[in-house]
Amino acid sequence: DDTSATDPATSGGDEPTGEPTEEESGGAAGGE
């Protein structure tokens, strides 16, 4: 029943958008 990783209400994060975050994309505004 553990849904905290996917439920925005319990994970404290926003719903996933499918787009990489700035941290995931290497932090560079123009790209990785």
PDB file of all heavy atoms in Angstrom:
ATOM      1  N   ASP A   1       0.808  -1.206   0.000  1.00  0.00           N
ATOM      2  CA  ASP A   1       0.000   0.000   0.000  1.00  0.00           C
ATOM      3  C   ASP A   1       0.851   1.270   0.000  1.00  0.00           C
ATOM      4  O   ASP A   1       0.336   2.357   0.126  1.00  0.00           O
ATOM      5  CB  ASP A   1      -0.930   0.021   1.219  1.00  0.00           C
ATOM      6  CG  ASP A   1      -1.907  -1.142   1.174  1.00  0.00           C
ATOM      7  OD1 ASP A   1      -2.301  -1.536   0.060  1.00  0.00           O
ATOM      8  OD2 ASP A   1      -2.269  -1.643   2.255  1.00  0.00           O
ATOM      9  N   ASP A   2       2.164   1.152  -0.133  1.00  0.00           N
ATOM     10  CA  ASP A   2       3.061   2.308  -0.096  1.00  0.00           C
ATOM     11  C   ASP A   2       2.944   3.096  -1.393  1.00  0.00           C
ATOM     12  O   ASP A   2       3.422   2.692  -2.425  1.00  0.00           O
ATOM     13  CB  ASP A   2       4.500   1.834   0.111  1.00  0.00           C
ATOM     14  CG  ASP A   2       5.481   2.991   0.220  1.00  0.00           C
ATOM     15  OD1 ASP A   2       5.013   4.133   0.402  1.00  0.00           O
ATOM     16  OD2 ASP A   2       6.691   2.739   0.127  1.00  0.00           O
ATOM     17  N   THR A   3       2.286   4.259  -1.314  1.00  0.00           N
ATOM     18  CA  THR A   3       2.118   5.100  -2.492  1.00  0.00           C
ATOM     19  C   THR A   3       2.833   6.427  -2.329  1.00  0.00           C
ATOM     20  O   THR A   3       2.679   7.317  -3.146  1.00  0.00           O
ATOM     21  CB  THR A   3       0.617   5.370  -2.761  1.00  0.00           C
ATOM     22  OG1 THR A   3       0.072   6.012  -1.608  1.00  0.00           O
ATOM     23  CG2 THR A   3      -0.126   4.088  -3.086  1.00  0.00           C
ATOM     24  N   SER A   4       3.644   6.587  -1.271  1.00  0.00           N
ATOM     25  CA  SER A   4       4.265   7.876  -1.005  1.00  0.00           C
ATOM     26  C   SER A   4       5.189   8.317  -2.131  1.00  0.00           C
ATOM     27  O   SER A   4       5.364   9.499  -2.364  1.00  0.00           O
ATOM     28  CB  SER A   4       5.031   7.837   0.316  1.00  0.00           C
ATOM     29  OG  SER A   4       6.060   6.873   0.246  1.00  0.00           O
ATOM     30  N   ALA A   5       5.791   7.394  -2.852  1.00  0.00           N
ATOM     31  CA  ALA A   5       6.707   7.777  -3.914  1.00  0.00           C
ATOM     32  C   ALA A   5       5.983   8.313  -5.143  1.00  0.00           C
ATOM     33  O   ALA A   5       6.557   9.050  -5.916  1.00  0.00           O
ATOM     34  CB  ALA A   5       7.579   6.583  -4.317  1.00  0.00           C
ATOM     35  N   THR A   6       4.711   7.933  -5.310  1.00  0.00           N
ATOM     36  CA  THR A   6       3.993   8.369  -6.504  1.00  0.00           C
ATOM     37  C   THR A   6       2.828   9.288  -6.206  1.00  0.00           C
ATOM     38  O   THR A   6       2.284   9.887  -7.105  1.00  0.00           O
ATOM     39  CB  THR A   6       3.460   7.153  -7.282  1.00  0.00           C
ATOM     40  OG1 THR A   6       2.629   6.378  -6.410  1.00  0.00           O
ATOM     41  CG2 THR A   6       4.593   6.305  -7.804  1.00  0.00           C
ATOM     42  N   ASP A   7       2.434   9.415  -4.949  1.00  0.00           N
ATOM     43  CA  ASP A   7       1.295  10.249  -4.578  1.00  0.00           C
ATOM     44  C   ASP A   7       1.793  11.631  -4.163  1.00  0.00           C
ATOM     45  O   ASP A   7       2.445  11.766  -3.138  1.00  0.00           O
ATOM     46  CB  ASP A   7       0.531   9.586  -3.434  1.00  0.00           C
ATOM     47  CG  ASP A   7      -0.728  10.340  -3.050  1.00  0.00           C
ATOM     48  OD1 ASP A   7      -0.964  11.437  -3.603  1.00  0.00           O
ATOM     49  OD2 ASP A   7      -1.470   9.832  -2.193  1.00  0.00           O
ATOM     50  N   PRO A   8       1.504  12.682  -4.946  1.00  0.00           N
ATOM     51  CA  PRO A   8       1.997  14.013  -4.609  1.00  0.00           C
ATOM     52  C   PRO A   8       1.526  14.493  -3.249  1.00  0.00           C
ATOM     53  O   PRO A   8       2.192  15.273  -2.608  1.00  0.00           O
ATOM     54  CB  PRO A   8       1.463  14.915  -5.716  1.00  0.00           C
ATOM     55  CG  PRO A   8       0.813  14.059  -6.722  1.00  0.00           C
ATOM     56  CD  PRO A   8       0.743  12.674  -6.181  1.00  0.00           C
ATOM     57  N   ALA A   9       0.380  14.015  -2.787  1.00  0.00           N
ATOM     58  CA  ALA A   9      -0.136  14.454  -1.507  1.00  0.00           C
ATOM     59  C   ALA A   9       0.712  13.944  -0.354  1.00  0.00           C
ATOM     60  O   ALA A   9       0.811  14.585   0.686  1.00  0.00           O
ATOM     61  CB  ALA A   9      -1.587  13.979  -1.339  1.00  0.00           C
ATOM     62  N   THR A  10       1.356  12.784  -0.522  1.00  0.00           N
ATOM     63  CA  THR A  10       2.153  12.216   0.565  1.00  0.00           C
ATOM     64  C   THR A  10       3.646  12.327   0.326  1.00  0.00           C
ATOM     65  O   THR A  10       4.426  12.164   1.235  1.00  0.00           O
ATOM     66  CB  THR A  10       1.795  10.736   0.793  1.00  0.00           C
ATOM     67  OG1 THR A  10       2.031  10.031  -0.421  1.00  0.00           O
ATOM     68  CG2 THR A  10       0.371  10.566   1.239  1.00  0.00           C
ATOM     69  N   SER A  11       4.062  12.612  -0.889  1.00  0.00           N
ATOM     70  CA  SER A  11       5.491  12.674  -1.164  1.00  0.00           C
ATOM     71  C   SER A  11       6.064  14.056  -0.931  1.00  0.00           C
ATOM     72  O   SER A  11       7.268  14.232  -0.899  1.00  0.00           O
ATOM     73  CB  SER A  11       5.786  12.250  -2.609  1.00  0.00           C
ATOM     74  OG  SER A  11       5.232  13.196  -3.508  1.00  0.00           O
ATOM     75  N   GLY A  12       5.195  15.056  -0.801  1.00  0.00           N
ATOM     76  CA  GLY A  12       5.669  16.405  -0.570  1.00  0.00           C
ATOM     77  C   GLY A  12       6.142  17.087  -1.845  1.00  0.00           C
ATOM     78  O   GLY A  12       6.645  18.187  -1.802  1.00  0.00           O
ATOM     79  N   GLY A  13       5.976  16.455  -2.984  1.00  0.00           N
ATOM     80  CA  GLY A  13       6.437  17.037  -4.242  1.00  0.00           C
ATOM     81  C   GLY A  13       5.296  17.272  -5.188  1.00  0.00           C
ATOM     82  O   GLY A  13       4.155  16.922  -4.920  1.00  0.00           O
ATOM     83  N   ASP A  14       5.611  17.896  -6.274  1.00  0.00           N
ATOM     84  CA  ASP A  14       4.620  18.106  -7.311  1.00  0.00           C
ATOM     85  C   ASP A  14       4.442  16.840  -8.115  1.00  0.00           C
ATOM     86  O   ASP A  14       5.286  15.959  -8.112  1.00  0.00           O
ATOM     87  CB  ASP A  14       5.059  19.232  -8.250  1.00  0.00           C
ATOM     88  CG  ASP A  14       5.102  20.574  -7.538  1.00  0.00           C
ATOM     89  OD1 ASP A  14       4.315  20.757  -6.586  1.00  0.00           O
ATOM     90  OD2 ASP A  14       5.930  21.422  -7.928  1.00  0.00           O
ATOM     91  N   GLU A  15       3.355  16.784  -8.828  1.00  0.00           N
ATOM     92  CA  GLU A  15       3.109  15.638  -9.692  1.00  0.00           C
ATOM     93  C   GLU A  15       4.161  15.597 -10.795  1.00  0.00           C
ATOM     94  O   GLU A  15       4.542  16.625 -11.335  1.00  0.00           O
ATOM     95  CB  GLU A  15       1.714  15.768 -10.308  1.00  0.00           C
ATOM     96  CG  GLU A  15       1.176  14.459 -10.787  1.00  0.00           C
ATOM     97  CD  GLU A  15      -0.305  14.539 -11.045  1.00  0.00           C
ATOM     98  OE1 GLU A  15      -1.030  15.149 -10.263  1.00  0.00           O
ATOM     99  OE2 GLU A  15      -0.720  13.960 -12.063  1.00  0.00           O
ATOM    100  N   PRO A  16       4.686  14.413 -11.141  1.00  0.00           N
ATOM    101  CA  PRO A  16       5.716  14.333 -12.173  1.00  0.00           C
ATOM    102  C   PRO A  16       5.209  14.854 -13.516  1.00  0.00           C
ATOM    103  O   PRO A  16       4.065  14.632 -13.879  1.00  0.00           O
ATOM    104  CB  PRO A  16       6.021  12.830 -12.280  1.00  0.00           C
ATOM    105  CG  PRO A  16       5.321  12.167 -11.157  1.00  0.00           C
ATOM    106  CD  PRO A  16       4.328  13.130 -10.600  1.00  0.00           C
ATOM    107  N   THR A  17       6.094  15.565 -14.238  1.00  0.00           N
ATOM    108  CA  THR A  17       5.705  16.137 -15.522  1.00  0.00           C
ATOM    109  C   THR A  17       6.300  15.383 -16.687  1.00  0.00           C
ATOM    110  O   THR A  17       5.930  15.618 -17.820  1.00  0.00           O
ATOM    111  CB  THR A  17       6.175  17.596 -15.620  1.00  0.00           C
ATOM    112  OG1 THR A  17       7.609  17.606 -15.570  1.00  0.00           O
ATOM    113  CG2 THR A  17       5.603  18.448 -14.517  1.00  0.00           C
ATOM    114  N   GLY A  18       7.285  14.514 -16.421  1.00  0.00           N
ATOM    115  CA  GLY A  18       7.961  13.811 -17.494  1.00  0.00           C
ATOM    116  C   GLY A  18       9.167  14.584 -17.997  1.00  0.00           C
ATOM    117  O   GLY A  18      10.001  14.067 -18.703  1.00  0.00           O
ATOM    118  N   GLU A  19       9.275  15.871 -17.643  1.00  0.00           N
ATOM    119  CA  GLU A  19      10.419  16.694 -18.024  1.00  0.00           C
ATOM    120  C   GLU A  19      11.486  16.575 -16.948  1.00  0.00           C
ATOM    121  O   GLU A  19      11.174  16.529 -15.762  1.00  0.00           O
ATOM    122  CB  GLU A  19       9.993  18.166 -18.144  1.00  0.00           C
ATOM    123  CG  GLU A  19       8.993  18.417 -19.232  1.00  0.00           C
ATOM    124  CD  GLU A  19       9.555  18.154 -20.611  1.00  0.00           C
ATOM    125  OE1 GLU A  19      10.712  18.518 -20.868  1.00  0.00           O
ATOM    126  OE2 GLU A  19       8.834  17.573 -21.437  1.00  0.00           O
ATOM    127  N   PRO A  20      12.779  16.528 -17.329  1.00  0.00           N
ATOM    128  CA  PRO A  20      13.819  16.459 -16.318  1.00  0.00           C
ATOM    129  C   PRO A  20      13.881  17.767 -15.542  1.00  0.00           C
ATOM    130  O   PRO A  20      13.634  18.837 -16.082  1.00  0.00           O
ATOM    131  CB  PRO A  20      15.103  16.254 -17.134  1.00  0.00           C
ATOM    132  CG  PRO A  20      14.787  16.720 -18.504  1.00  0.00           C
ATOM    133  CD  PRO A  20      13.305  16.530 -18.683  1.00  0.00           C
ATOM    134  N   THR A  21      14.205  17.650 -14.247  1.00  0.00           N
ATOM    135  CA  THR A  21      14.380  18.844 -13.442  1.00  0.00           C
ATOM    136  C   THR A  21      15.709  19.475 -13.821  1.00  0.00           C
ATOM    137  O   THR A  21      16.531  18.871 -14.506  1.00  0.00           O
ATOM    138  CB  THR A  21      14.404  18.484 -11.944  1.00  0.00           C
ATOM    139  OG1 THR A  21      15.558  17.666 -11.703  1.00  0.00           O
ATOM    140  CG2 THR A  21      13.139  17.768 -11.511  1.00  0.00           C
ATOM    141  N   GLU A  22      15.955  20.710 -13.341  1.00  0.00           N
ATOM    142  CA  GLU A  22      17.225  21.367 -13.638  1.00  0.00           C
ATOM    143  C   GLU A  22      18.384  20.531 -13.111  1.00  0.00           C
ATOM    144  O   GLU A  22      19.402  20.386 -13.760  1.00  0.00           O
ATOM    145  CB  GLU A  22      17.247  22.758 -13.008  1.00  0.00           C
ATOM    146  CG  GLU A  22      18.498  23.539 -13.361  1.00  0.00           C
ATOM    147  CD  GLU A  22      18.463  24.950 -12.828  1.00  0.00           C
ATOM    148  OE1 GLU A  22      17.377  25.521 -12.664  1.00  0.00           O
ATOM    149  OE2 GLU A  22      19.550  25.479 -12.571  1.00  0.00           O
ATOM    150  N   GLU A  23      18.197  19.919 -11.937  1.00  0.00           N
ATOM    151  CA  GLU A  23      19.242  19.078 -11.352  1.00  0.00           C
ATOM    152  C   GLU A  23      19.501  17.841 -12.215  1.00  0.00           C
ATOM    153  O   GLU A  23      20.633  17.459 -12.458  1.00  0.00           O
ATOM    154  CB  GLU A  23      18.812  18.652  -9.947  1.00  0.00           C
ATOM    155  CG  GLU A  23      19.879  17.910  -9.187  1.00  0.00           C
ATOM    156  CD  GLU A  23      19.438  17.621  -7.769  1.00  0.00           C
ATOM    157  OE1 GLU A  23      19.161  18.566  -7.010  1.00  0.00           O
ATOM    158  OE2 GLU A  23      19.363  16.425  -7.434  1.00  0.00           O
ATOM    159  N   GLU A  24      18.440  17.213 -12.738  1.00  0.00           N
ATOM    160  CA  GLU A  24      18.591  16.015 -13.556  1.00  0.00           C
ATOM    161  C   GLU A  24      19.222  16.314 -14.912  1.00  0.00           C
ATOM    162  O   GLU A  24      19.889  15.483 -15.493  1.00  0.00           O
ATOM    163  CB  GLU A  24      17.233  15.340 -13.786  1.00  0.00           C
ATOM    164  CG  GLU A  24      16.643  14.741 -12.537  1.00  0.00           C
ATOM    165  CD  GLU A  24      15.190  14.326 -12.718  1.00  0.00           C
ATOM    166  OE1 GLU A  24      14.492  14.874 -13.580  1.00  0.00           O
ATOM    167  OE2 GLU A  24      14.762  13.446 -11.963  1.00  0.00           O
ATOM    168  N   SER A  25      19.000  17.521 -15.438  1.00  0.00           N
ATOM    169  CA  SER A  25      19.516  17.848 -16.757  1.00  0.00           C
ATOM    170  C   SER A  25      20.906  18.454 -16.702  1.00  0.00           C
ATOM    171  O   SER A  25      21.398  18.974 -17.681  1.00  0.00           O
ATOM    172  CB  SER A  25      18.564  18.797 -17.486  1.00  0.00           C
ATOM    173  OG  SER A  25      18.533  20.046 -16.819  1.00  0.00           O
ATOM    174  N   GLY A  26      21.555  18.381 -15.541  1.00  0.00           N
ATOM    175  CA  GLY A  26      22.913  18.872 -15.424  1.00  0.00           C
ATOM    176  C   GLY A  26      22.978  20.301 -14.919  1.00  0.00           C
ATOM    177  O   GLY A  26      24.041  20.870 -14.793  1.00  0.00           O
ATOM    178  N   GLY A  27      21.818  20.909 -14.629  1.00  0.00           N
ATOM    179  CA  GLY A  27      21.783  22.235 -14.053  1.00  0.00           C
ATOM    180  C   GLY A  27      21.987  23.354 -15.064  1.00  0.00           C
ATOM    181  O   GLY A  27      21.836  24.507 -14.741  1.00  0.00           O
ATOM    182  N   ALA A  28      22.354  23.048 -16.267  1.00  0.00           N
ATOM    183  CA  ALA A  28      22.580  24.086 -17.264  1.00  0.00           C
ATOM    184  C   ALA A  28      21.259  24.464 -17.916  1.00  0.00           C
ATOM    185  O   ALA A  28      20.510  23.607 -18.332  1.00  0.00           O
ATOM    186  CB  ALA A  28      23.569  23.603 -18.320  1.00  0.00           C
ATOM    187  N   ALA A  29      21.001  25.773 -18.003  1.00  0.00           N
ATOM    188  CA  ALA A  29      19.739  26.226 -18.565  1.00  0.00           C
ATOM    189  C   ALA A  29      19.562  25.781 -20.011  1.00  0.00           C
ATOM    190  O   ALA A  29      18.481  25.454 -20.438  1.00  0.00           O
ATOM    191  CB  ALA A  29      19.640  27.742 -18.464  1.00  0.00           C
ATOM    192  N   GLY A  30      20.661  25.740 -20.798  1.00  0.00           N
ATOM    193  CA  GLY A  30      20.575  25.372 -22.198  1.00  0.00           C
ATOM    194  C   GLY A  30      20.564  23.878 -22.419  1.00  0.00           C
ATOM    195  O   GLY A  30      20.331  23.426 -23.515  1.00  0.00           O
ATOM    196  N   GLY A  31      20.863  23.094 -21.417  1.00  0.00           N
ATOM    197  CA  GLY A  31      20.866  21.653 -21.574  1.00  0.00           C
ATOM    198  C   GLY A  31      21.959  20.996 -20.768  1.00  0.00           C
ATOM    199  O   GLY A  31      22.684  21.626 -20.013  1.00  0.00           O
ATOM    200  N   GLU A  32      22.066  19.723 -20.961  1.00  0.00           N
ATOM    201  CA  GLU A  32      22.998  18.896 -20.213  1.00  0.00           C
ATOM    202  C   GLU A  32      24.437  19.126 -20.675  1.00  0.00           C
ATOM    203  O   GLU A  32      24.744  19.057 -21.857  1.00  0.00           O
ATOM    204  CB  GLU A  32      22.602  17.435 -20.446  1.00  0.00           C
ATOM    205  CG  GLU A  32      23.476  16.422 -19.818  1.00  0.00           C
ATOM    206  CD  GLU A  32      23.012  15.010 -20.136  1.00  0.00           C
ATOM    207  OE1 GLU A  32      22.155  14.830 -21.024  1.00  0.00           O
ATOM    208  OE2 GLU A  32      23.527  14.093 -19.494  1.00  0.00           O
TER     209      GLU A  32
END
